Amino acid sequence: MTTHNMLIAPDFSPERFAGWHMFNTLIQKRANLNMHLNIPASHAEQEQVIDAGNTQIIYANPFDAATLIREHGYRAVARPIGKSDEMVIAAAANSDIHRLEDIQAGATVAMADNRDVKLIGLRLLEAVDLEDSDLNWDVTETYQAAARKVIKGEAQAAFFLAEIFHSFSRLTKTQLTVLIESDLADISHVLLIKDGFADSQIFIDAILNLHNDDEGKDALAELGMPQGFEAMSEEDGEFMIDLMQTLLD
């Protein structure tokens, strides 16, 4: 039986790791497909895997999804229900930065390599007249590393995917001050399928029906997606790409 490759973008809370393996096991069983799960450790590793050209399914952040749809022959087929990609801007609790207005031009901002988080954060900073070129960027391997940079005073602020920020330990969060959290609702990670993937409909049906029984609900709960997935049309994919383009502009 042919083995298909499924890549999961690395920007999720560590506590979700086991959930993705549960998800993969269930999909293999229900779709009768051999699936190799690939969870790269960084965005750079993700790009290397995708560039190799043998990945049929990708769970991608919205920024990467736009590029993958436009340039790499993927199409969006599903997204998690009620799970939008929000972001947090935070500073050290013991610093002089207590609100967005306290971030000055020349400040260093730490963040993992996640371009949609950066785009949303920059939109939020427009309110205090800061743009990309006003700031120094310290790109870390993980969001946890970005948090450490801020706590140690090596960066004045950090951008976080909201779900990951809220999964930090209580000790970490007590050392950080939330300056703002986005509330966009329309932007989310999406499941993409490579054009020409012969078993795409079997896979999609398995994904969309996961929420219909206890075993599937357990896997979805582990992923923080209790409502499961909803189908996406080509028009839905184009609408999300347009939203990302609006953030870029």
C-alpha atoms as a PDB file:
ATOM      1  CA  MET A   1       0.000   0.000   0.000  1.00  0.00           C
ATOM      2  CA  THR A   2       1.295   3.464  -0.899  1.00  0.00           C
ATOM      3  CA  THR A   3       2.416   5.654   1.996  1.00  0.00           C
ATOM      4  CA  HIS A   4       1.199   9.257   1.920  1.00  0.00           C
ATOM      5  CA  ASN A   5       2.961  12.080   3.748  1.00  0.00           C
ATOM      6  CA  MET A   6       1.098  14.492   6.033  1.00  0.00           C
ATOM      7  CA  LEU A   7       2.915  17.514   7.448  1.00  0.00           C
ATOM      8  CA  ILE A   8       1.724  19.458  10.490  1.00  0.00           C
ATOM      9  CA  ALA A   9       2.953  23.052  10.814  1.00  0.00           C
ATOM     10  CA  PRO A  10       5.177  23.288  13.907  1.00  0.00           C
ATOM     11  CA  ASP A  11       3.324  26.243  15.460  1.00  0.00           C
ATOM     12  CA  PHE A  12       1.170  24.404  17.999  1.00  0.00           C
ATOM     13  CA  SER A  13       1.355  23.934  21.759  1.00  0.00           C
ATOM     14  CA  PRO A  14       3.624  21.046  22.842  1.00  0.00           C
ATOM     15  CA  GLU A  15       0.667  19.541  24.703  1.00  0.00           C
ATOM     16  CA  ARG A  16      -1.000  18.910  21.313  1.00  0.00           C
ATOM     17  CA  PHE A  17       1.803  16.624  20.098  1.00  0.00           C
ATOM     18  CA  ALA A  18       0.140  13.402  21.242  1.00  0.00           C
ATOM     19  CA  GLY A  19      -3.156  14.572  19.754  1.00  0.00           C
ATOM     20  CA  TRP A  20      -1.663  14.778  16.268  1.00  0.00           C
ATOM     21  CA  HIS A  21      -0.463  11.193  16.565  1.00  0.00           C
ATOM     22  CA  MET A  22      -3.948  10.105  17.703  1.00  0.00           C
ATOM     23  CA  PHE A  23      -5.401  12.024  14.761  1.00  0.00           C
ATOM     24  CA  ASN A  24      -3.047  10.353  12.295  1.00  0.00           C
ATOM     25  CA  THR A  25      -3.766   6.849  13.669  1.00  0.00           C
ATOM     26  CA  LEU A  26      -7.534   7.393  13.439  1.00  0.00           C
ATOM     27  CA  ILE A  27      -7.411   8.782   9.905  1.00  0.00           C
ATOM     28  CA  GLN A  28      -5.298   5.845   8.741  1.00  0.00           C
ATOM     29  CA  LYS A  29      -7.798   3.393  10.189  1.00  0.00           C
ATOM     30  CA  ARG A  30     -10.925   5.108   8.920  1.00  0.00           C
ATOM     31  CA  ALA A  31      -9.679   6.022   5.445  1.00  0.00           C
ATOM     32  CA  ASN A  32      -7.679   2.790   5.062  1.00  0.00           C
ATOM     33  CA  LEU A  33      -4.626   4.825   4.083  1.00  0.00           C
ATOM     34  CA  ASN A  34      -0.981   4.552   5.070  1.00  0.00           C
ATOM     35  CA  MET A  35      -0.051   7.978   6.440  1.00  0.00           C
ATOM     36  CA  HIS A  36       3.416   9.101   7.513  1.00  0.00           C
ATOM     37  CA  LEU A  37       3.132  11.977   9.992  1.00  0.00           C
ATOM     38  CA  ASN A  38       5.812  14.638   9.712  1.00  0.00           C
ATOM     39  CA  ILE A  39       6.048  17.316  12.410  1.00  0.00           C
ATOM     40  CA  PRO A  40       9.049  19.545  11.628  1.00  0.00           C
ATOM     41  CA  ALA A  41      10.789  21.274  14.516  1.00  0.00           C
ATOM     42  CA  SER A  42      10.928  24.684  12.834  1.00  0.00           C
ATOM     43  CA  HIS A  43       9.595  26.684   9.913  1.00  0.00           C
ATOM     44  CA  ALA A  44      12.910  26.221   8.082  1.00  0.00           C
ATOM     45  CA  GLU A  45      12.619  22.438   8.404  1.00  0.00           C
ATOM     46  CA  GLN A  46       8.999  22.646   7.219  1.00  0.00           C
ATOM     47  CA  GLU A  47      10.124  24.426   4.050  1.00  0.00           C
ATOM     48  CA  GLN A  48      12.783  21.775   3.401  1.00  0.00           C
ATOM     49  CA  VAL A  49      10.188  18.988   3.655  1.00  0.00           C
ATOM     50  CA  ILE A  50       7.718  20.773   1.375  1.00  0.00           C
ATOM     51  CA  ASP A  51      10.413  21.619  -1.164  1.00  0.00           C
ATOM     52  CA  ALA A  52      11.236  17.905  -1.425  1.00  0.00           C
ATOM     53  CA  GLY A  53       7.875  17.635  -3.216  1.00  0.00           C
ATOM     54  CA  ASN A  54       6.483  14.473  -1.664  1.00  0.00           C
ATOM     55  CA  THR A  55       3.925  15.815   0.816  1.00  0.00           C
ATOM     56  CA  GLN A  56       0.285  15.147  -0.045  1.00  0.00           C
ATOM     57  CA  ILE A  57      -1.393  16.761   2.983  1.00  0.00           C
ATOM     58  CA  ILE A  58      -0.392  19.842   4.987  1.00  0.00           C
ATOM     59  CA  TYR A  59      -1.983  21.426   8.040  1.00  0.00           C
ATOM     60  CA  ALA A  60      -0.707  24.943   7.403  1.00  0.00           C
ATOM     61  CA  ASN A  61      -0.902  28.367   8.956  1.00  0.00           C
ATOM     62  CA  PRO A  62      -2.848  30.862   6.824  1.00  0.00           C
ATOM     63  CA  PHE A  63       0.193  32.750   5.526  1.00  0.00           C
ATOM     64  CA  ASP A  64       1.910  29.573   4.320  1.00  0.00           C
ATOM     65  CA  ALA A  65      -1.417  28.247   3.007  1.00  0.00           C
ATOM     66  CA  ALA A  66      -1.757  31.246   0.693  1.00  0.00           C
ATOM     67  CA  THR A  67       1.660  30.540  -0.843  1.00  0.00           C
ATOM     68  CA  LEU A  68       1.069  26.783  -1.059  1.00  0.00           C
ATOM     69  CA  ILE A  69      -2.253  27.292  -2.854  1.00  0.00           C
ATOM     70  CA  ARG A  70      -0.965  29.926  -5.259  1.00  0.00           C
ATOM     71  CA  GLU A  71       2.464  28.489  -6.040  1.00  0.00           C
ATOM     72  CA  HIS A  72       2.685  24.810  -5.079  1.00  0.00           C
ATOM     73  CA  GLY A  73      -0.506  23.161  -6.329  1.00  0.00           C
ATOM     74  CA  TYR A  74      -2.385  22.649  -3.066  1.00  0.00           C
ATOM     75  CA  ARG A  75      -6.028  23.355  -2.333  1.00  0.00           C
ATOM     76  CA  ALA A  76      -7.736  24.087   0.983  1.00  0.00           C
ATOM     77  CA  VAL A  77     -10.265  21.394   1.925  1.00  0.00           C
ATOM     78  CA  ALA A  78     -11.034  21.864   5.639  1.00  0.00           C
ATOM     79  CA  ARG A  79     -10.444  24.060   8.661  1.00  0.00           C
ATOM     80  CA  PRO A  80     -11.111  23.649  12.394  1.00  0.00           C
ATOM     81  CA  ILE A  81     -14.454  25.028  13.536  1.00  0.00           C
ATOM     82  CA  GLY A  82     -14.281  27.897  16.020  1.00  0.00           C
ATOM     83  CA  LYS A  83     -10.486  27.929  16.222  1.00  0.00           C
ATOM     84  CA  SER A  84      -9.139  31.119  14.704  1.00  0.00           C
ATOM     85  CA  ASP A  85      -5.473  32.132  14.738  1.00  0.00           C
ATOM     86  CA  GLU A  86      -5.156  34.938  17.254  1.00  0.00           C
ATOM     87  CA  MET A  87      -1.922  36.443  18.548  1.00  0.00           C
ATOM     88  CA  VAL A  88      -0.639  38.086  21.716  1.00  0.00           C
ATOM     89  CA  ILE A  89       1.886  40.880  22.154  1.00  0.00           C
ATOM     90  CA  ALA A  90       3.530  40.682  25.587  1.00  0.00           C
ATOM     91  CA  ALA A  91       6.343  42.335  27.540  1.00  0.00           C
ATOM     92  CA  ALA A  92       8.178  41.414  30.720  1.00  0.00           C
ATOM     93  CA  ALA A  93       6.104  42.005  33.839  1.00  0.00           C
ATOM     94  CA  ASN A  94       9.029  43.760  35.545  1.00  0.00           C
ATOM     95  CA  SER A  95       9.762  46.087  32.605  1.00  0.00           C
ATOM     96  CA  ASP A  96       8.656  49.650  31.914  1.00  0.00           C
ATOM     97  CA  ILE A  97       6.383  48.470  29.096  1.00  0.00           C
ATOM     98  CA  HIS A  98       2.796  48.182  30.321  1.00  0.00           C
ATOM     99  CA  ARG A  99       0.860  49.048  27.154  1.00  0.00           C
ATOM    100  CA  LEU A 100       1.466  49.170  23.403  1.00  0.00           C
ATOM    101  CA  GLU A 101       2.294  52.886  23.551  1.00  0.00           C
ATOM    102  CA  ASP A 102       5.336  52.087  25.704  1.00  0.00           C
ATOM    103  CA  ILE A 103       7.051  50.185  22.859  1.00  0.00           C
ATOM    104  CA  GLN A 104       9.497  52.596  21.257  1.00  0.00           C
ATOM    105  CA  ALA A 105      11.095  52.636  17.815  1.00  0.00           C
ATOM    106  CA  GLY A 106      14.322  50.647  17.988  1.00  0.00           C
ATOM    107  CA  ALA A 107      12.868  48.071  20.386  1.00  0.00           C
ATOM    108  CA  THR A 108      13.685  44.394  19.886  1.00  0.00           C
ATOM    109  CA  VAL A 109      10.729  42.053  19.363  1.00  0.00           C
ATOM    110  CA  ALA A 110      11.229  38.303  19.769  1.00  0.00           C
ATOM    111  CA  MET A 111       9.065  35.763  17.946  1.00  0.00           C
ATOM    112  CA  ALA A 112       9.144  32.352  16.325  1.00  0.00           C
ATOM    113  CA  ASP A 113       9.266  32.206  12.526  1.00  0.00           C
ATOM    114  CA  ASN A 114       5.524  32.581  11.931  1.00  0.00           C
ATOM    115  CA  ARG A 115       4.685  35.190   9.338  1.00  0.00           C
ATOM    116  CA  ASP A 116       0.944  35.416   9.901  1.00  0.00           C
ATOM    117  CA  VAL A 117       1.550  36.177  13.592  1.00  0.00           C
ATOM    118  CA  LYS A 118       3.975  38.919  12.541  1.00  0.00           C
ATOM    119  CA  LEU A 119       1.500  40.378  10.048  1.00  0.00           C
ATOM    120  CA  ILE A 120      -1.291  40.514  12.607  1.00  0.00           C
ATOM    121  CA  GLY A 121       1.046  41.972  15.235  1.00  0.00           C
ATOM    122  CA  LEU A 122       2.230  44.694  12.892  1.00  0.00           C
ATOM    123  CA  ARG A 123      -1.368  45.597  12.129  1.00  0.00           C
ATOM    124  CA  LEU A 124      -1.995  45.992  15.863  1.00  0.00           C
ATOM    125  CA  LEU A 125       1.130  48.153  16.228  1.00  0.00           C
ATOM    126  CA  GLU A 126      -0.099  50.515  13.507  1.00  0.00           C
ATOM    127  CA  ALA A 127      -2.290  52.023  16.258  1.00  0.00           C
ATOM    128  CA  VAL A 128       0.881  53.302  17.973  1.00  0.00           C
ATOM    129  CA  ASP A 129       2.609  54.348  14.729  1.00  0.00           C
ATOM    130  CA  LEU A 130       5.141  51.513  14.620  1.00  0.00           C
ATOM    131  CA  GLU A 131       5.960  49.535  11.502  1.00  0.00           C
ATOM    132  CA  ASP A 132       8.303  46.705  10.545  1.00  0.00           C
ATOM    133  CA  SER A 133      11.340  48.897   9.879  1.00  0.00           C
ATOM    134  CA  ASP A 134      11.003  50.639  13.269  1.00  0.00           C
ATOM    135  CA  LEU A 135      11.751  47.429  15.157  1.00  0.00           C
ATOM    136  CA  ASN A 136      14.565  44.920  15.512  1.00  0.00           C
ATOM    137  CA  TRP A 137      13.427  41.311  15.064  1.00  0.00           C
ATOM    138  CA  ASP A 138      14.878  38.401  17.022  1.00  0.00           C
ATOM    139  CA  VAL A 139      13.546  35.232  15.353  1.00  0.00           C
ATOM    140  CA  THR A 140      13.729  32.270  17.740  1.00  0.00           C
ATOM    141  CA  GLU A 141      13.292  28.532  17.176  1.00  0.00           C
ATOM    142  CA  THR A 142      10.188  28.385  19.395  1.00  0.00           C
ATOM    143  CA  TYR A 143       7.717  30.675  21.152  1.00  0.00           C
ATOM    144  CA  GLN A 144       9.050  29.384  24.471  1.00  0.00           C
ATOM    145  CA  ALA A 145      12.468  30.741  23.486  1.00  0.00           C
ATOM    146  CA  ALA A 146      10.877  34.094  22.615  1.00  0.00           C
ATOM    147  CA  ALA A 147       9.293  34.211  26.068  1.00  0.00           C
ATOM    148  CA  ARG A 148      12.686  33.581  27.692  1.00  0.00           C
ATOM    149  CA  LYS A 149      14.232  36.434  25.685  1.00  0.00           C
ATOM    150  CA  VAL A 150      11.629  38.878  27.016  1.00  0.00           C
ATOM    151  CA  ILE A 151      11.823  37.632  30.600  1.00  0.00           C
ATOM    152  CA  LYS A 152      15.640  37.983  30.545  1.00  0.00           C
ATOM    153  CA  GLY A 153      15.393  41.506  29.131  1.00  0.00           C
ATOM    154  CA  GLU A 154      17.028  40.532  25.832  1.00  0.00           C
ATOM    155  CA  ALA A 155      13.914  41.734  23.957  1.00  0.00           C
ATOM    156  CA  GLN A 156      11.451  44.429  24.928  1.00  0.00           C
ATOM    157  CA  ALA A 157       8.382  42.584  23.632  1.00  0.00           C
ATOM    158  CA  ALA A 158       7.388  39.353  21.923  1.00  0.00           C
ATOM    159  CA  PHE A 159       4.734  38.141  19.493  1.00  0.00           C
ATOM    160  CA  PHE A 160       3.025  34.843  20.304  1.00  0.00           C
ATOM    161  CA  LEU A 161       0.374  32.623  18.760  1.00  0.00           C
ATOM    162  CA  ALA A 162      -2.358  33.090  21.364  1.00  0.00           C
ATOM    163  CA  GLU A 163      -2.990  29.369  21.917  1.00  0.00           C
ATOM    164  CA  ILE A 164       0.679  28.790  22.657  1.00  0.00           C
ATOM    165  CA  PHE A 165       0.889  31.806  24.971  1.00  0.00           C
ATOM    166  CA  HIS A 166      -2.082  30.575  26.981  1.00  0.00           C
ATOM    167  CA  SER A 167      -0.496  27.105  27.252  1.00  0.00           C
ATOM    168  CA  PHE A 168       2.606  28.470  29.008  1.00  0.00           C
ATOM    169  CA  SER A 169       3.150  27.501  32.634  1.00  0.00           C
ATOM    170  CA  ARG A 170       1.743  29.751  35.323  1.00  0.00           C
ATOM    171  CA  LEU A 171       5.315  30.723  36.294  1.00  0.00           C
ATOM    172  CA  THR A 172       6.088  31.893  32.750  1.00  0.00           C
ATOM    173  CA  LYS A 173       2.863  33.856  32.433  1.00  0.00           C
ATOM    174  CA  THR A 174       3.359  35.621  35.773  1.00  0.00           C
ATOM    175  CA  GLN A 175       6.615  37.007  34.348  1.00  0.00           C
ATOM    176  CA  LEU A 176       4.865  38.444  31.266  1.00  0.00           C
ATOM    177  CA  THR A 177       2.361  41.251  30.749  1.00  0.00           C
ATOM    178  CA  VAL A 178      -0.155  40.968  27.901  1.00  0.00           C
ATOM    179  CA  LEU A 179      -0.260  44.259  26.016  1.00  0.00           C
ATOM    180  CA  ILE A 180      -2.920  43.210  23.499  1.00  0.00           C
ATOM    181  CA  GLU A 181      -4.582  40.093  22.074  1.00  0.00           C
ATOM    182  CA  SER A 182      -6.079  40.075  18.584  1.00  0.00           C
ATOM    183  CA  ASP A 183      -9.712  39.185  17.876  1.00  0.00           C
ATOM    184  CA  LEU A 184      -9.914  38.600  14.121  1.00  0.00           C
ATOM    185  CA  ALA A 185     -11.940  35.347  13.958  1.00  0.00           C
ATOM    186  CA  ASP A 186     -11.657  34.967  10.165  1.00  0.00           C
ATOM    187  CA  ILE A 187      -8.120  33.586   9.905  1.00  0.00           C
ATOM    188  CA  SER A 188      -7.261  30.003  10.812  1.00  0.00           C
ATOM    189  CA  HIS A 189      -4.968  27.113  10.018  1.00  0.00           C
ATOM    190  CA  VAL A 190      -6.246  24.988   7.140  1.00  0.00           C
ATOM    191  CA  LEU A 191      -5.881  21.464   5.805  1.00  0.00           C
ATOM    192  CA  LEU A 192      -4.413  21.439   2.312  1.00  0.00           C
ATOM    193  CA  ILE A 193      -4.321  18.588  -0.207  1.00  0.00           C
ATOM    194  CA  LYS A 194      -1.921  18.385  -3.124  1.00  0.00           C
ATOM    195  CA  ASP A 195      -3.519  18.365  -6.572  1.00  0.00           C
ATOM    196  CA  GLY A 196      -3.529  14.843  -7.953  1.00  0.00           C
ATOM    197  CA  PHE A 197      -3.820  13.081  -4.572  1.00  0.00           C
ATOM    198  CA  ALA A 198      -6.012  10.180  -5.684  1.00  0.00           C
ATOM    199  CA  ASP A 199      -7.442   9.373  -2.239  1.00  0.00           C
ATOM    200  CA  SER A 200      -8.352  12.953  -1.399  1.00  0.00           C
ATOM    201  CA  GLN A 201     -12.116  12.421  -1.024  1.00  0.00           C
ATOM    202  CA  ILE A 202     -11.652   9.401   1.257  1.00  0.00           C
ATOM    203  CA  PHE A 203      -9.313  11.464   3.416  1.00  0.00           C
ATOM    204  CA  ILE A 204     -11.667  14.480   3.480  1.00  0.00           C
ATOM    205  CA  ASP A 205     -14.659  12.318   4.451  1.00  0.00           C
ATOM    206  CA  ALA A 206     -12.680  10.804   7.336  1.00  0.00           C
ATOM    207  CA  ILE A 207     -11.646  14.279   8.552  1.00  0.00           C
ATOM    208  CA  LEU A 208     -15.130  15.787   8.401  1.00  0.00           C
ATOM    209  CA  ASN A 209     -16.724  12.857  10.267  1.00  0.00           C
ATOM    210  CA  LEU A 210     -14.277  12.657  13.170  1.00  0.00           C
ATOM    211  CA  HIS A 211     -16.652  14.489  15.516  1.00  0.00           C
ATOM    212  CA  ASN A 212     -19.418  11.915  15.055  1.00  0.00           C
ATOM    213  CA  ASP A 213     -18.199   9.332  17.595  1.00  0.00           C
ATOM    214  CA  ASP A 214     -16.425   9.225  20.954  1.00  0.00           C
ATOM    215  CA  GLU A 215     -13.061   8.041  19.630  1.00  0.00           C
ATOM    216  CA  GLY A 216     -12.962  10.877  17.116  1.00  0.00           C
ATOM    217  CA  LYS A 217     -14.133  13.395  19.715  1.00  0.00           C
ATOM    218  CA  ASP A 218     -11.310  12.334  22.034  1.00  0.00           C
ATOM    219  CA  ALA A 219      -8.711  12.939  19.315  1.00  0.00           C
ATOM    220  CA  LEU A 220     -10.209  16.324  18.449  1.00  0.00           C
ATOM    221  CA  ALA A 221     -10.277  17.330  22.126  1.00  0.00           C
ATOM    222  CA  GLU A 222      -6.555  16.506  22.349  1.00  0.00           C
ATOM    223  CA  LEU A 223      -6.013  18.931  19.462  1.00  0.00           C
ATOM    224  CA  GLY A 224      -8.103  21.665  21.065  1.00  0.00           C
ATOM    225  CA  MET A 225     -10.656  21.353  18.252  1.00  0.00           C
ATOM    226  CA  PRO A 226     -13.734  19.957  20.034  1.00  0.00           C
ATOM    227  CA  GLN A 227     -16.109  20.964  17.231  1.00  0.00           C
ATOM    228  CA  GLY A 228     -14.066  19.191  14.573  1.00  0.00           C
ATOM    229  CA  PHE A 229     -13.466  20.335  11.011  1.00  0.00           C
ATOM    230  CA  GLU A 230     -15.687  21.996   8.418  1.00  0.00           C
ATOM    231  CA  ALA A 231     -15.301  21.724   4.657  1.00  0.00           C
ATOM    232  CA  MET A 232     -13.731  24.565   2.692  1.00  0.00           C
ATOM    233  CA  SER A 233     -14.576  25.410  -0.890  1.00  0.00           C
ATOM    234  CA  GLU A 234     -12.203  26.938  -3.410  1.00  0.00           C
ATOM    235  CA  GLU A 235     -13.978  30.244  -2.792  1.00  0.00           C
ATOM    236  CA  ASP A 236     -13.328  29.935   0.960  1.00  0.00           C
ATOM    237  CA  GLY A 237      -9.630  29.440   0.233  1.00  0.00           C
ATOM    238  CA  GLU A 238      -9.532  32.478  -2.041  1.00  0.00           C
ATOM    239  CA  PHE A 239     -11.319  34.588   0.579  1.00  0.00           C
ATOM    240  CA  MET A 240      -8.695  33.699   3.183  1.00  0.00           C
ATOM    241  CA  ILE A 241      -5.879  34.451   0.735  1.00  0.00           C
ATOM    242  CA  ASP A 242      -7.462  37.870   0.135  1.00  0.00           C
ATOM    243  CA  LEU A 243      -7.545  38.483   3.897  1.00  0.00           C
ATOM    244  CA  MET A 244      -3.856  37.634   4.193  1.00  0.00           C
ATOM    245  CA  GLN A 245      -3.132  39.949   1.256  1.00  0.00           C
ATOM    246  CA  THR A 246      -5.021  42.716   3.051  1.00  0.00           C
ATOM    247  CA  LEU A 247      -2.764  42.246   6.082  1.00  0.00           C
ATOM    248  CA  LEU A 248       0.293  42.405   3.811  1.00  0.00           C
ATOM    249  CA  ASP A 249      -0.915  45.609   2.182  1.00  0.00           C
END
